[in-house]
Amino acid sequence: MGSATVFSVEDLMKLHREFVERGAGRRLGKMIKIVLGEVPRDVPLRLSKKEILTEGRTLDWFGQGPLLGLSPGDVDLLVYSSLAPLPDKPEPGWTPPEVSQRTIERAVARDGKWTPLRAPLVKQLPEDRGARRIKGTNVLLFEPVHQVLFRPEGINVFGCVGATTDESSGTVPTFVWNFDEGRGYFYGGRFRVEI
């Protein structure tokens, strides 16, 4: 069980950048998704009710996420590579229309195959997912982080980082997204890595 160190956000970002530049720590794998908990009071959330009910509040990179790792001594969760913008995702709650067997057979006769319809893609805007902005900056804070899902290097399974509030420091696990740098950081709380 690790615990994110308690520095100011700016000091933490500097420390994490130094770890990454030196290649210090160990890599876990590619980040897939951050699952966020209940939205803090007075934080705007602009997700559809359907998305909240079907998927919850997430930051989802699918297979395009950054490299995730641990700092020396497994104290901090690190993001080792730059953050790509969130990709478009299938429309939450979309249900394909029913297709008759006759329609499928006609498509196979005509094209040699039948391909089911796919959900239309929609934009994932980070600021719609419930975030605070550090005043005067292009940095968003997403809290509380509940889980971070990742694909471990060299193993065909999923890994999970479970995050909780750190009772000793009173900090909640937070994902810090610095859009000017294109980098992400984890701040506060406690975490446990499971593979």
Protein backbone atom coordinates (compact mmCIF):
# COMPACT_ATOMS: atom_id res chain seq x y z
CA MET A 1 0.00 0.00 0.00
CA GLY A 2 1.49 3.30 -1.06
CA SER A 3 0.66 6.78 -0.02
CA ALA A 4 1.12 9.83 -2.16
CA THR A 5 3.51 12.24 -0.50
CA VAL A 6 2.00 15.41 0.89
CA PHE A 7 3.62 18.38 -0.81
CA SER A 8 2.02 21.33 -2.49
CA VAL A 9 0.70 20.41 -5.94
CA GLU A 10 3.48 22.45 -7.58
CA ASP A 11 6.21 20.75 -5.50
CA LEU A 12 4.72 17.33 -6.22
CA MET A 13 4.64 18.00 -9.98
CA LYS A 14 8.29 19.09 -9.87
CA LEU A 15 9.31 15.98 -7.88
CA HIS A 16 7.41 13.65 -10.21
CA ARG A 17 8.94 15.31 -13.31
CA GLU A 18 12.40 14.69 -11.81
CA PHE A 19 11.61 10.99 -11.19
CA VAL A 20 10.35 10.61 -14.76
CA GLU A 21 13.32 12.47 -16.32
CA ARG A 22 15.77 10.25 -14.39
CA GLY A 23 13.80 7.11 -15.22
CA ALA A 24 13.55 6.40 -11.48
CA GLY A 25 11.00 3.97 -10.09
CA ARG A 26 9.32 1.08 -11.85
CA ARG A 27 6.82 0.93 -14.65
CA LEU A 28 3.49 -0.83 -14.20
CA GLY A 29 1.92 -0.61 -17.66
CA LYS A 30 -0.34 1.47 -19.88
CA MET A 31 -3.13 3.39 -18.17
CA ILE A 32 -6.56 2.62 -19.59
CA LYS A 33 -9.05 4.44 -17.40
CA ILE A 34 -9.38 6.53 -14.24
CA VAL A 35 -12.61 5.88 -12.34
CA LEU A 36 -13.63 8.87 -10.26
CA GLY A 37 -15.84 8.88 -7.17
CA GLU A 38 -18.62 11.21 -6.12
CA VAL A 39 -18.30 14.75 -7.44
CA PRO A 40 -17.18 17.23 -4.78
CA ARG A 41 -19.67 19.96 -3.85
CA ASP A 42 -19.74 23.01 -6.15
CA VAL A 43 -17.87 21.18 -8.95
CA PRO A 44 -19.65 21.35 -12.32
CA LEU A 45 -20.52 18.02 -13.92
CA ARG A 46 -21.82 18.07 -17.49
CA LEU A 47 -22.38 14.38 -18.23
CA SER A 48 -25.66 12.94 -19.44
CA LYS A 49 -27.76 10.97 -16.96
CA LYS A 50 -27.37 7.98 -19.27
CA GLU A 51 -23.55 8.17 -19.08
CA ILE A 52 -23.60 8.55 -15.30
CA LEU A 53 -25.87 5.52 -14.95
CA THR A 54 -24.05 3.29 -17.46
CA GLU A 55 -20.39 4.25 -16.97
CA GLY A 56 -20.07 6.67 -14.10
CA ARG A 57 -17.55 9.49 -14.08
CA THR A 58 -14.39 8.34 -15.86
CA LEU A 59 -11.40 9.54 -17.84
CA ASP A 60 -11.08 6.80 -20.48
CA TRP A 61 -8.11 6.50 -22.83
CA PHE A 62 -9.02 2.98 -23.96
CA GLY A 63 -5.73 1.67 -25.44
CA GLN A 64 -4.12 5.10 -25.90
CA GLY A 65 -3.23 5.95 -22.30
CA PRO A 66 0.12 6.99 -20.87
CA LEU A 67 2.62 4.75 -19.11
CA LEU A 68 1.86 4.35 -15.39
CA GLY A 69 4.42 3.50 -12.71
CA LEU A 70 5.60 3.84 -9.14
CA SER A 71 8.21 6.18 -7.69
CA PRO A 72 11.27 4.81 -5.89
CA GLY A 73 10.11 3.01 -2.75
CA ASP A 74 6.60 2.64 -4.25
CA VAL A 75 5.55 5.86 -2.48
CA ASP A 76 3.89 7.76 -5.34
CA LEU A 77 1.92 6.78 -8.42
CA LEU A 78 3.62 8.28 -11.49
CA VAL A 79 2.59 9.03 -15.06
CA TYR A 80 5.74 8.37 -17.11
CA SER A 81 4.61 9.58 -20.52
CA SER A 82 2.66 12.50 -21.87
CA LEU A 83 -1.14 12.49 -21.88
CA ALA A 84 -2.95 12.25 -25.16
CA PRO A 85 -6.31 13.99 -25.29
CA LEU A 86 -9.20 11.74 -24.33
CA PRO A 87 -10.33 9.91 -27.48
CA ASP A 88 -13.89 9.91 -28.73
CA LYS A 89 -15.89 7.07 -27.21
CA PRO A 90 -19.00 5.10 -28.08
CA GLU A 91 -22.15 6.96 -27.11
CA PRO A 92 -23.09 5.87 -23.57
CA GLY A 93 -26.20 3.73 -23.35
CA TRP A 94 -26.51 3.37 -27.15
CA THR A 95 -28.47 0.29 -28.15
CA PRO A 96 -28.29 -1.02 -31.70
CA PRO A 97 -31.55 -1.33 -33.58
CA GLU A 98 -32.94 -4.83 -34.02
CA VAL A 99 -32.00 -6.44 -37.32
CA SER A 100 -34.00 -9.26 -38.85
CA GLN A 101 -32.45 -12.54 -39.91
CA ARG A 102 -33.57 -11.76 -43.47
CA THR A 103 -31.63 -8.47 -43.48
CA ILE A 104 -28.51 -10.27 -42.23
CA GLU A 105 -28.86 -12.98 -44.90
CA ARG A 106 -29.28 -10.36 -47.65
CA ALA A 107 -26.14 -8.54 -46.48
CA VAL A 108 -24.16 -11.82 -46.47
CA ALA A 109 -25.41 -12.69 -49.98
CA ARG A 110 -24.58 -9.21 -51.29
CA ASP A 111 -21.29 -8.46 -49.45
CA GLY A 112 -20.14 -11.86 -48.24
CA LYS A 113 -20.55 -10.76 -44.61
CA TRP A 114 -22.76 -8.83 -42.22
CA THR A 115 -21.38 -6.15 -39.95
CA PRO A 116 -23.49 -4.95 -37.03
CA LEU A 117 -23.97 -1.23 -36.55
CA ARG A 118 -21.57 0.44 -34.13
CA ALA A 119 -22.41 3.09 -31.59
CA PRO A 120 -21.83 6.65 -32.79
CA LEU A 121 -18.75 8.27 -31.25
CA VAL A 122 -18.99 11.23 -28.89
CA LYS A 123 -16.35 13.56 -27.50
CA GLN A 124 -14.96 13.11 -23.99
CA LEU A 125 -14.24 16.58 -22.70
CA PRO A 126 -12.19 16.52 -19.47
CA GLU A 127 -13.81 19.67 -18.10
CA ASP A 128 -17.27 18.04 -18.39
CA ARG A 129 -16.27 15.20 -16.07
CA GLY A 130 -16.29 17.18 -12.83
CA ALA A 131 -13.03 18.98 -12.16
CA ARG A 132 -11.64 21.96 -10.28
CA ARG A 133 -9.23 24.33 -11.99
CA ILE A 134 -6.19 25.71 -10.21
CA LYS A 135 -6.87 29.45 -10.38
CA GLY A 136 -5.03 31.24 -13.19
CA THR A 137 -3.71 27.99 -14.72
CA ASN A 138 -4.56 25.39 -17.30
CA VAL A 139 -4.47 22.62 -14.65
CA LEU A 140 -7.54 20.54 -13.79
CA LEU A 141 -7.93 18.52 -10.58
CA PHE A 142 -10.11 15.39 -10.68
CA GLU A 143 -11.09 14.04 -7.30
CA PRO A 144 -11.60 11.68 -5.69
CA VAL A 145 -9.88 8.99 -7.74
CA HIS A 146 -11.47 5.64 -6.95
CA GLN A 147 -9.53 3.32 -9.28
CA VAL A 148 -6.93 3.42 -12.02
CA LEU A 149 -7.12 0.56 -14.50
CA PHE A 150 -4.02 -0.35 -16.50
CA ARG A 151 -2.62 -3.04 -18.79
CA PRO A 152 0.55 -4.46 -17.15
CA GLU A 153 3.64 -4.78 -19.30
CA GLY A 154 4.21 -8.30 -20.58
CA ILE A 155 1.05 -9.84 -19.03
CA ASN A 156 -2.30 -10.27 -20.78
CA VAL A 157 -4.47 -9.20 -17.83
CA PHE A 158 -5.72 -5.94 -16.36
CA GLY A 159 -4.21 -4.30 -13.29
CA CYS A 160 -6.00 -2.04 -10.86
CA VAL A 161 -4.86 0.67 -8.50
CA GLY A 162 -7.41 1.10 -5.74
CA ALA A 163 -7.33 4.53 -4.11
CA THR A 164 -8.67 5.74 -0.76
CA THR A 165 -8.54 8.81 1.44
CA ASP A 166 -5.39 9.09 3.56
CA GLU A 167 -6.82 9.57 7.04
CA SER A 168 -3.49 10.70 8.50
CA SER A 169 -3.08 13.61 6.07
CA GLY A 170 -6.77 14.14 5.25
CA THR A 171 -6.01 14.10 1.50
CA VAL A 172 -8.19 12.44 -1.11
CA PRO A 173 -6.62 10.78 -4.17
CA THR A 174 -6.56 13.37 -6.94
CA PHE A 175 -5.54 13.27 -10.60
CA VAL A 176 -3.84 16.49 -11.72
CA TRP A 177 -3.93 17.15 -15.48
CA ASN A 178 -1.61 19.94 -16.62
CA PHE A 179 -2.77 20.77 -20.14
CA ASP A 180 0.11 23.19 -20.83
CA GLU A 181 2.66 20.40 -20.22
CA GLY A 182 0.46 17.57 -21.52
CA ARG A 183 1.28 15.68 -18.31
CA GLY A 184 -0.62 14.02 -15.50
CA TYR A 185 0.14 13.53 -11.81
CA PHE A 186 -1.44 11.72 -8.88
CA TYR A 187 -1.64 13.64 -5.62
CA GLY A 188 -2.79 12.75 -2.10
CA GLY A 189 -4.68 9.78 -0.71
CA ARG A 190 -3.46 6.22 -0.43
CA PHE A 191 -3.32 3.51 -3.08
CA ARG A 192 -2.90 -0.23 -3.50
CA VAL A 193 -1.74 -1.93 -6.73
CA GLU A 194 -3.34 -5.24 -7.67
CA ILE A 195 -2.57 -7.42 -10.68
